[in-house]
C-alpha cells in the first residue's frame, strides 16, 4: 500500500423519499430523527455515515399500461452510504 491510501467497504441503504407523519405528532424534525435512527442502526456494526445521494429513475409502463397510454414515471430514490475500514 502506498502513502496514506485507506481501503474501505461501502454499504448503501435506500431510504424512502418521504415519510408519513401524523399531523398531531408533527414537530418539524421527523426527517432528522428518521435519518438518525438509520445511522445509529448501522453504527452498531461499525459503519460510519458517509453521504446521501439521490438517483432519478424513469419507470416505463408495462405492455398493458403503454397500450392504454401510460407514460413513464420519474421517481427519485435516496441512498445513504456508509463506510468502514476494510
C-alpha atoms as a PDB file:
ATOM      1  CA  UNK A   1       0.000   0.000   0.000  1.00  0.00           C
ATOM      2  CA  UNK A   2       1.369   3.407  -0.978  1.00  0.00           C
ATOM      3  CA  UNK A   3       1.152   6.568   1.135  1.00  0.00           C
ATOM      4  CA  UNK A   4      -1.970   7.101   3.212  1.00  0.00           C
ATOM      5  CA  UNK A   5      -4.330   5.167   0.963  1.00  0.00           C
ATOM      6  CA  UNK A   6      -7.039   3.516   3.042  1.00  0.00           C
ATOM      7  CA  UNK A   7      -9.324   0.732   1.907  1.00  0.00           C
ATOM      8  CA  UNK A   8     -12.987   0.968   2.779  1.00  0.00           C
ATOM      9  CA  UNK A   9     -16.009  -1.258   2.476  1.00  0.00           C
ATOM     10  CA  UNK A  10     -19.198   0.535   1.493  1.00  0.00           C
ATOM     11  CA  UNK A  11     -22.811  -0.214   2.346  1.00  0.00           C
ATOM     12  CA  UNK A  12     -25.659   1.523   0.500  1.00  0.00           C
ATOM     13  CA  UNK A  13     -29.107   1.748   2.058  1.00  0.00           C
ATOM     14  CA  UNK A  14     -32.086   3.020   0.096  1.00  0.00           C
ATOM     15  CA  UNK A  15     -34.459   5.160   2.138  1.00  0.00           C
ATOM     16  CA  UNK A  16     -37.912   6.415   1.180  1.00  0.00           C
ATOM     17  CA  UNK A  17     -38.128   9.901  -0.337  1.00  0.00           C
ATOM     18  CA  UNK A  18     -40.978  10.743   2.041  1.00  0.00           C
ATOM     19  CA  UNK A  19     -42.032   9.659   5.495  1.00  0.00           C
ATOM     20  CA  UNK A  20     -45.577   9.754   6.822  1.00  0.00           C
ATOM     21  CA  UNK A  21     -46.240  11.826   9.925  1.00  0.00           C
ATOM     22  CA  UNK A  22     -49.460  12.249  11.842  1.00  0.00           C
ATOM     23  CA  UNK A  23     -50.412  15.950  11.926  1.00  0.00           C
ATOM     24  CA  UNK A  24     -50.746  15.922  15.730  1.00  0.00           C
ATOM     25  CA  UNK A  25     -47.283  14.364  16.108  1.00  0.00           C
ATOM     26  CA  UNK A  26     -45.579  16.719  13.622  1.00  0.00           C
ATOM     27  CA  UNK A  27     -42.659  18.548  15.280  1.00  0.00           C
ATOM     28  CA  UNK A  28     -40.582  19.535  12.249  1.00  0.00           C
ATOM     29  CA  UNK A  29     -37.629  17.254  12.986  1.00  0.00           C
ATOM     30  CA  UNK A  30     -39.027  13.976  11.703  1.00  0.00           C
ATOM     31  CA  UNK A  31     -36.614  13.667   8.768  1.00  0.00           C
ATOM     32  CA  UNK A  32     -33.597  14.200  11.030  1.00  0.00           C
ATOM     33  CA  UNK A  33     -34.954  11.731  13.582  1.00  0.00           C
ATOM     34  CA  UNK A  34     -35.590   9.131  10.869  1.00  0.00           C
ATOM     35  CA  UNK A  35     -32.073   9.503   9.479  1.00  0.00           C
ATOM     36  CA  UNK A  36     -30.572   9.415  12.995  1.00  0.00           C
ATOM     37  CA  UNK A  37     -32.246   6.062  13.631  1.00  0.00           C
ATOM     38  CA  UNK A  38     -30.795   4.637  10.419  1.00  0.00           C
ATOM     39  CA  UNK A  39     -27.291   5.969  11.152  1.00  0.00           C
ATOM     40  CA  UNK A  40     -27.405   4.626  14.726  1.00  0.00           C
ATOM     41  CA  UNK A  41     -28.552   1.197  13.483  1.00  0.00           C
ATOM     42  CA  UNK A  42     -25.561   0.847  11.156  1.00  0.00           C
ATOM     43  CA  UNK A  43     -23.067   2.426  13.578  1.00  0.00           C
ATOM     44  CA  UNK A  44     -23.594  -0.531  15.927  1.00  0.00           C
ATOM     45  CA  UNK A  45     -21.911  -2.739  13.307  1.00  0.00           C
ATOM     46  CA  UNK A  46     -19.051  -0.300  12.752  1.00  0.00           C
ATOM     47  CA  UNK A  47     -20.457   1.546   9.740  1.00  0.00           C
ATOM     48  CA  UNK A  48     -19.698   5.266   9.532  1.00  0.00           C
ATOM     49  CA  UNK A  49     -22.169   7.610   7.811  1.00  0.00           C
ATOM     50  CA  UNK A  50     -20.515   8.855   4.624  1.00  0.00           C
ATOM     51  CA  UNK A  51     -23.079  10.623   2.430  1.00  0.00           C
ATOM     52  CA  UNK A  52     -26.563  10.778   0.913  1.00  0.00           C
ATOM     53  CA  UNK A  53     -27.207  10.762  -2.824  1.00  0.00           C
ATOM     54  CA  UNK A  54     -30.365  10.915  -4.857  1.00  0.00           C
ATOM     55  CA  UNK A  55     -30.975   8.966  -8.039  1.00  0.00           C
ATOM     56  CA  UNK A  56     -33.679   9.588 -10.593  1.00  0.00           C
ATOM     57  CA  UNK A  57     -35.197   6.505 -12.154  1.00  0.00           C
ATOM     58  CA  UNK A  58     -37.582   6.503 -15.115  1.00  0.00           C
ATOM     59  CA  UNK A  59     -40.079   3.666 -14.821  1.00  0.00           C
ATOM     60  CA  UNK A  60     -41.527   2.692 -18.185  1.00  0.00           C
ATOM     61  CA  UNK A  61     -45.123   1.423 -18.272  1.00  0.00           C
ATOM     62  CA  UNK A  62     -45.642  -2.256 -18.949  1.00  0.00           C
ATOM     63  CA  UNK A  63     -47.187  -3.536 -22.169  1.00  0.00           C
ATOM     64  CA  UNK A  64     -50.759  -3.127 -20.973  1.00  0.00           C
ATOM     65  CA  UNK A  65     -50.060   0.283 -19.434  1.00  0.00           C
ATOM     66  CA  UNK A  66     -48.432   1.530 -22.650  1.00  0.00           C
ATOM     67  CA  UNK A  67     -51.393   0.207 -24.630  1.00  0.00           C
ATOM     68  CA  UNK A  68     -53.698   2.432 -22.563  1.00  0.00           C
ATOM     69  CA  UNK A  69     -51.472   5.487 -22.942  1.00  0.00           C
ATOM     70  CA  UNK A  70     -49.429   5.113 -19.760  1.00  0.00           C
ATOM     71  CA  UNK A  71     -46.455   7.431 -19.528  1.00  0.00           C
ATOM     72  CA  UNK A  72     -43.061   6.885 -17.954  1.00  0.00           C
ATOM     73  CA  UNK A  73     -42.854   7.978 -14.334  1.00  0.00           C
ATOM     74  CA  UNK A  74     -39.841   9.679 -12.815  1.00  0.00           C
ATOM     75  CA  UNK A  75     -39.106   8.590  -9.256  1.00  0.00           C
ATOM     76  CA  UNK A  76     -36.337   9.907  -7.036  1.00  0.00           C
ATOM     77  CA  UNK A  77     -34.683   7.488  -4.643  1.00  0.00           C
ATOM     78  CA  UNK A  78     -32.359   8.441  -1.795  1.00  0.00           C
ATOM     79  CA  UNK A  79     -29.389   6.268  -0.930  1.00  0.00           C
ATOM     80  CA  UNK A  80     -27.417   6.610   2.300  1.00  0.00           C
ATOM     81  CA  UNK A  81     -23.815   5.452   2.002  1.00  0.00           C
ATOM     82  CA  UNK A  82     -21.933   4.086   4.981  1.00  0.00           C
ATOM     83  CA  UNK A  83     -18.304   3.024   5.062  1.00  0.00           C
ATOM     84  CA  UNK A  84     -15.880   1.222   7.337  1.00  0.00           C
ATOM     85  CA  UNK A  85     -12.239   0.322   7.083  1.00  0.00           C
ATOM     86  CA  UNK A  86     -11.689  -2.960   5.301  1.00  0.00           C
END
